[in-house]
Protein backbone atom coordinates (compact mmCIF):
# COMPACT_ATOMS: atom_id res chain seq x y z
CA MET A 1 -3.53 -11.45 13.43
CA ILE A 2 -2.15 -7.96 14.10
CA ASN A 3 -1.44 -7.55 17.82
CA ASP A 4 -0.42 -3.91 18.04
CA SER A 5 1.18 -1.26 15.90
CA ASN A 6 4.36 -3.20 15.15
CA ARG A 7 3.79 -6.89 15.97
CA MET A 8 1.55 -9.61 14.62
CA THR A 9 1.14 -13.31 15.25
CA ILE A 10 1.10 -15.80 12.40
CA THR A 11 0.62 -19.55 12.39
CA ASP A 12 3.16 -21.48 10.33
CA GLU A 13 2.53 -24.62 8.26
CA ASN A 14 3.14 -26.77 11.37
CA GLY A 15 0.54 -24.95 13.47
CA ASN A 16 3.14 -23.07 15.52
CA GLU A 17 2.41 -19.44 16.36
CA LYS A 18 5.20 -16.94 15.72
CA VAL A 19 5.37 -13.27 16.59
CA MET A 20 6.56 -11.16 13.67
CA GLU A 21 7.75 -7.57 13.52
CA ILE A 22 5.76 -5.40 11.11
CA ILE A 23 7.94 -3.17 8.97
CA LEU A 24 5.08 -1.36 7.25
CA THR A 25 1.58 -1.68 5.89
CA PHE A 26 0.24 0.04 2.79
CA ASP A 27 -2.54 -0.08 0.21
CA SER A 28 -2.30 -0.51 -3.54
CA ASP A 29 -2.58 2.69 -5.56
CA ASP A 30 -6.27 2.09 -6.19
CA GLY A 31 -6.90 1.07 -2.56
CA SER A 32 -8.27 -2.33 -3.52
CA ARG A 33 -5.49 -4.38 -1.87
CA HIS A 34 -3.83 -4.09 1.53
CA PHE A 35 -0.25 -5.22 2.10
CA VAL A 36 1.96 -5.90 5.10
CA LEU A 37 5.73 -6.32 5.03
CA PHE A 38 7.22 -8.02 8.06
CA LYS A 39 10.22 -9.93 9.35
CA ASP A 40 10.90 -12.63 11.89
CA PRO A 41 12.82 -10.91 14.71
CA SER A 42 14.46 -14.24 15.60
CA GLU A 43 16.18 -14.29 12.19
CA ASN A 44 19.34 -12.22 11.93
CA LYS A 45 18.99 -11.65 8.20
CA GLU A 46 18.00 -8.07 7.37
CA GLU A 47 17.04 -9.13 3.85
CA SER A 48 14.43 -11.64 5.06
CA VAL A 49 11.30 -9.57 4.54
CA TYR A 50 7.98 -11.27 3.92
CA ALA A 51 5.27 -9.70 1.76
CA TYR A 52 1.61 -10.60 2.29
CA SER A 53 -1.72 -9.12 1.33
CA PHE A 54 -4.52 -9.04 3.87
CA ASP A 55 -8.26 -8.48 3.96
CA ASP A 56 -10.42 -6.54 6.42
CA ASP A 57 -10.74 -9.65 8.61
CA GLY A 58 -6.94 -9.98 8.93
CA ASN A 59 -6.63 -13.04 6.68
CA LEU A 60 -3.15 -13.18 5.11
CA ASP A 61 -2.09 -14.40 1.65
CA GLN A 62 1.53 -14.53 0.58
CA VAL A 63 2.33 -12.21 -2.31
CA ILE A 64 3.53 -14.37 -5.21
CA ASP A 65 2.61 -12.20 -8.20
CA GLU A 66 5.83 -10.80 -9.74
CA GLU A 67 4.38 -7.32 -10.29
CA GLU A 68 3.08 -7.13 -6.72
CA LEU A 69 6.42 -8.38 -5.37
CA GLU A 70 8.22 -5.70 -7.36
CA MET A 71 5.81 -3.05 -6.06
CA CYS A 72 6.38 -4.26 -2.47
CA GLY A 73 10.14 -4.04 -3.00
CA GLU A 74 9.84 -0.50 -4.34
CA VAL A 75 7.66 0.58 -1.42
CA LEU A 76 10.10 -1.00 1.06
CA SER A 77 13.05 0.70 -0.62
CA ALA A 78 11.29 4.09 -0.54
CA PHE A 79 10.42 3.54 3.13
CA GLN A 80 14.00 2.60 4.06
CA ASN A 81 15.58 5.33 1.89
CA PRO A 82 13.18 8.30 1.99
CA ASP A 83 15.75 10.75 0.59
CA VAL A 84 16.29 8.79 -2.65
CA LYS A 85 14.14 10.09 -5.49
CA GLU A 86 12.85 7.60 -8.07
CA GLU A 87 13.90 8.28 -11.64
CA PRO A 88 10.96 8.74 -14.03
CA ASP A 89 10.49 6.11 -16.72
CA ASP A 90 11.20 7.31 -20.25
């Protein structure tokens, strides 16, 4: 459940609610899938970013597809490093 513009509450496998910090949300190129990248603010690891897809009702599903994970990583990298231009594929 998204609480406000940068926080959301999730329920873990033990039924405990945790407040997460949203890094960014975005849609797939064709607009058919919505994604949210977030981190647990209680973890001190910058590299611990979680990637989930979500529907219009706010239901979350962890991204496990390799291509989608790669896309999420590329979007995150572009977001964190906006001045870096991506090299075109040959």
